[in-house]
Amino acid sequence: MNKRDELIIKYANDLREKCKHNPDMDLLTKVTIGCGPSIYNRDSSTISSTSKEELETVRYNFLINKLGLSSADKLEEGIDKIMEQYGRSNRNKYRAVVYYLLTKHFNKESMY
């Protein structure tokens, strides 16, 4: 099993245990691949829900540029809901898991 497959299993476990969500493994795999090499770096593999700059990056780079959403889609509310679902006190919010949950929240599975 390669490193990416190990991470996908870790992300699936986070979705089940911390988010109480049964993951679509095909979509999770595609989202993880879409994250590119950032999943292998300790700092870039996670998202800080307390960093406004980090959340702005998620909003602009992922929701607007990748998923094609606009500000009219209530992006901040979606991000806030996902951070709440993942658990604000949870220190390790994996980027791939957050992106997966946002993709599901905004019904943008077709982008993958």
C-alpha atoms as a PDB file:
ATOM      1  CA  MET A   1       0.000   0.000   0.000  1.00  0.00           C
ATOM      2  CA  ASN A   2       1.434   3.362  -0.979  1.00  0.00           C
ATOM      3  CA  LYS A   3       1.453   6.508   1.155  1.00  0.00           C
ATOM      4  CA  ARG A   4      -1.537   8.072  -0.629  1.00  0.00           C
ATOM      5  CA  ASP A   5      -3.672   4.967  -0.026  1.00  0.00           C
ATOM      6  CA  GLU A   6      -2.707   5.043   3.662  1.00  0.00           C
ATOM      7  CA  LEU A   7      -3.765   8.702   3.869  1.00  0.00           C
ATOM      8  CA  ILE A   8      -7.098   7.985   2.153  1.00  0.00           C
ATOM      9  CA  ILE A   9      -7.807   5.322   4.783  1.00  0.00           C
ATOM     10  CA  LYS A  10      -6.894   7.832   7.521  1.00  0.00           C
ATOM     11  CA  TYR A  11      -9.213  10.439   5.968  1.00  0.00           C
ATOM     12  CA  ALA A  12     -12.058   7.916   5.703  1.00  0.00           C
ATOM     13  CA  ASN A  13     -11.630   7.069   9.386  1.00  0.00           C
ATOM     14  CA  ASP A  14     -11.770  10.781  10.267  1.00  0.00           C
ATOM     15  CA  LEU A  15     -14.985  11.135   8.281  1.00  0.00           C
ATOM     16  CA  ARG A  16     -16.555   8.179  10.080  1.00  0.00           C
ATOM     17  CA  GLU A  17     -15.329   8.915  13.602  1.00  0.00           C
ATOM     18  CA  LYS A  18     -15.147  12.709  13.839  1.00  0.00           C
ATOM     19  CA  CYS A  19     -17.761  13.769  11.290  1.00  0.00           C
ATOM     20  CA  LYS A  20     -20.187  10.854  11.629  1.00  0.00           C
ATOM     21  CA  HIS A  21     -20.238  10.565   7.832  1.00  0.00           C
ATOM     22  CA  ASN A  22     -20.016   7.385   5.765  1.00  0.00           C
ATOM     23  CA  PRO A  23     -17.606   8.432   2.976  1.00  0.00           C
ATOM     24  CA  ASP A  24     -17.991   7.869  -0.731  1.00  0.00           C
ATOM     25  CA  MET A  25     -14.553   6.302  -1.202  1.00  0.00           C
ATOM     26  CA  ASP A  26     -14.421   7.053  -4.924  1.00  0.00           C
ATOM     27  CA  LEU A  27     -15.062  10.762  -4.335  1.00  0.00           C
ATOM     28  CA  LEU A  28     -12.686  10.859  -1.362  1.00  0.00           C
ATOM     29  CA  THR A  29      -9.949   9.326  -3.528  1.00  0.00           C
ATOM     30  CA  LYS A  30     -10.536  11.883  -6.290  1.00  0.00           C
ATOM     31  CA  VAL A  31     -10.549  14.808  -3.841  1.00  0.00           C
ATOM     32  CA  THR A  32      -7.350  13.518  -2.220  1.00  0.00           C
ATOM     33  CA  ILE A  33      -5.626  13.207  -5.601  1.00  0.00           C
ATOM     34  CA  GLY A  34      -6.844  16.716  -6.427  1.00  0.00           C
ATOM     35  CA  CYS A  35      -5.054  18.071  -3.345  1.00  0.00           C
ATOM     36  CA  GLY A  36      -1.771  17.091  -4.959  1.00  0.00           C
ATOM     37  CA  PRO A  37       1.456  17.030  -2.980  1.00  0.00           C
ATOM     38  CA  SER A  38       0.022  19.199  -0.188  1.00  0.00           C
ATOM     39  CA  ILE A  39      -1.271  16.033   1.541  1.00  0.00           C
ATOM     40  CA  TYR A  40       2.307  14.888   2.204  1.00  0.00           C
ATOM     41  CA  ASN A  41       3.421  18.071   3.970  1.00  0.00           C
ATOM     42  CA  ARG A  42       2.594  18.299   7.670  1.00  0.00           C
ATOM     43  CA  ASP A  43       1.656  21.986   7.534  1.00  0.00           C
ATOM     44  CA  SER A  44      -0.240  22.093   4.245  1.00  0.00           C
ATOM     45  CA  SER A  45      -2.092  18.820   4.830  1.00  0.00           C
ATOM     46  CA  THR A  46      -4.205  20.409   7.570  1.00  0.00           C
ATOM     47  CA  ILE A  47      -6.430  23.474   7.808  1.00  0.00           C
ATOM     48  CA  SER A  48      -6.617  25.794  10.786  1.00  0.00           C
ATOM     49  CA  SER A  49     -10.195  26.838  11.433  1.00  0.00           C
ATOM     50  CA  THR A  50      -8.957  29.808  13.476  1.00  0.00           C
ATOM     51  CA  SER A  51      -6.819  31.305  10.699  1.00  0.00           C
ATOM     52  CA  LYS A  52      -8.755  33.828   8.613  1.00  0.00           C
ATOM     53  CA  GLU A  53      -6.043  33.705   5.941  1.00  0.00           C
ATOM     54  CA  GLU A  54      -6.279  29.923   5.691  1.00  0.00           C
ATOM     55  CA  LEU A  55     -10.076  29.973   5.434  1.00  0.00           C
ATOM     56  CA  GLU A  56      -9.863  32.695   2.793  1.00  0.00           C
ATOM     57  CA  THR A  57      -7.516  30.437   0.809  1.00  0.00           C
ATOM     58  CA  VAL A  58     -10.037  27.594   1.064  1.00  0.00           C
ATOM     59  CA  ARG A  59     -12.808  29.925  -0.060  1.00  0.00           C
ATOM     60  CA  TYR A  60     -10.935  31.411  -3.007  1.00  0.00           C
ATOM     61  CA  ASN A  61      -8.665  28.603  -4.233  1.00  0.00           C
ATOM     62  CA  PHE A  62     -11.002  25.670  -3.660  1.00  0.00           C
ATOM     63  CA  LEU A  63     -14.605  26.849  -3.617  1.00  0.00           C
ATOM     64  CA  ILE A  64     -14.349  29.573  -6.244  1.00  0.00           C
ATOM     65  CA  ASN A  65     -11.486  28.404  -8.488  1.00  0.00           C
ATOM     66  CA  LYS A  66     -11.886  24.622  -8.255  1.00  0.00           C
ATOM     67  CA  LEU A  67     -15.628  24.130  -7.692  1.00  0.00           C
ATOM     68  CA  GLY A  68     -16.716  27.213  -9.660  1.00  0.00           C
ATOM     69  CA  LEU A  69     -18.871  28.692  -6.908  1.00  0.00           C
ATOM     70  CA  SER A  70     -19.542  32.407  -6.416  1.00  0.00           C
ATOM     71  CA  SER A  71     -19.904  34.585  -3.349  1.00  0.00           C
ATOM     72  CA  ALA A  72     -23.670  34.347  -3.813  1.00  0.00           C
ATOM     73  CA  ASP A  73     -23.434  30.672  -2.806  1.00  0.00           C
ATOM     74  CA  LYS A  74     -22.968  31.556   0.884  1.00  0.00           C
ATOM     75  CA  LEU A  75     -19.415  30.222   0.977  1.00  0.00           C
ATOM     76  CA  GLU A  76     -18.572  31.418   4.477  1.00  0.00           C
ATOM     77  CA  GLU A  77     -21.665  29.722   5.889  1.00  0.00           C
ATOM     78  CA  GLY A  78     -20.684  26.463   4.174  1.00  0.00           C
ATOM     79  CA  ILE A  79     -17.129  26.629   5.505  1.00  0.00           C
ATOM     80  CA  ASP A  80     -18.420  27.411   8.994  1.00  0.00           C
ATOM     81  CA  LYS A  81     -20.824  24.462   8.898  1.00  0.00           C
ATOM     82  CA  ILE A  82     -18.067  22.077   7.794  1.00  0.00           C
ATOM     83  CA  MET A  83     -15.668  23.314  10.487  1.00  0.00           C
ATOM     84  CA  GLU A  84     -18.407  22.801  13.067  1.00  0.00           C
ATOM     85  CA  GLN A  85     -19.127  19.298  11.740  1.00  0.00           C
ATOM     86  CA  TYR A  86     -15.422  18.366  11.807  1.00  0.00           C
ATOM     87  CA  GLY A  87     -15.134  19.775  15.322  1.00  0.00           C
ATOM     88  CA  ARG A  88     -13.577  23.130  16.038  1.00  0.00           C
ATOM     89  CA  SER A  89     -11.598  21.675  18.934  1.00  0.00           C
ATOM     90  CA  ASN A  90     -10.135  19.000  16.660  1.00  0.00           C
ATOM     91  CA  ARG A  91      -6.562  20.118  16.028  1.00  0.00           C
ATOM     92  CA  ASN A  92      -5.996  18.049  12.878  1.00  0.00           C
ATOM     93  CA  LYS A  93      -8.512  19.024  10.242  1.00  0.00           C
ATOM     94  CA  TYR A  94      -7.167  17.347   7.150  1.00  0.00           C
ATOM     95  CA  ARG A  95      -7.397  19.398   3.961  1.00  0.00           C
ATOM     96  CA  ALA A  96      -8.682  16.454   1.909  1.00  0.00           C
ATOM     97  CA  VAL A  97     -11.460  15.794   4.441  1.00  0.00           C
ATOM     98  CA  VAL A  98     -12.512  19.457   4.537  1.00  0.00           C
ATOM     99  CA  TYR A  99     -12.500  19.635   0.722  1.00  0.00           C
ATOM    100  CA  TYR A 100     -14.497  16.391   0.524  1.00  0.00           C
ATOM    101  CA  LEU A 101     -17.113  17.709   2.977  1.00  0.00           C
ATOM    102  CA  LEU A 102     -17.335  21.046   1.145  1.00  0.00           C
ATOM    103  CA  THR A 103     -17.772  19.237  -2.169  1.00  0.00           C
ATOM    104  CA  LYS A 104     -20.650  17.238  -0.685  1.00  0.00           C
ATOM    105  CA  HIS A 105     -22.137  20.294   1.073  1.00  0.00           C
ATOM    106  CA  PHE A 106     -22.302  22.309  -2.157  1.00  0.00           C
ATOM    107  CA  ASN A 107     -23.378  19.265  -4.248  1.00  0.00           C
ATOM    108  CA  LYS A 108     -20.366  19.626  -6.552  1.00  0.00           C
ATOM    109  CA  GLU A 109     -19.452  15.938  -6.829  1.00  0.00           C
ATOM    110  CA  SER A 110     -19.702  16.280 -10.611  1.00  0.00           C
ATOM    111  CA  MET A 111     -16.550  18.435 -10.582  1.00  0.00           C
ATOM    112  CA  TYR A 112     -14.625  15.233  -9.882  1.00  0.00           C
END
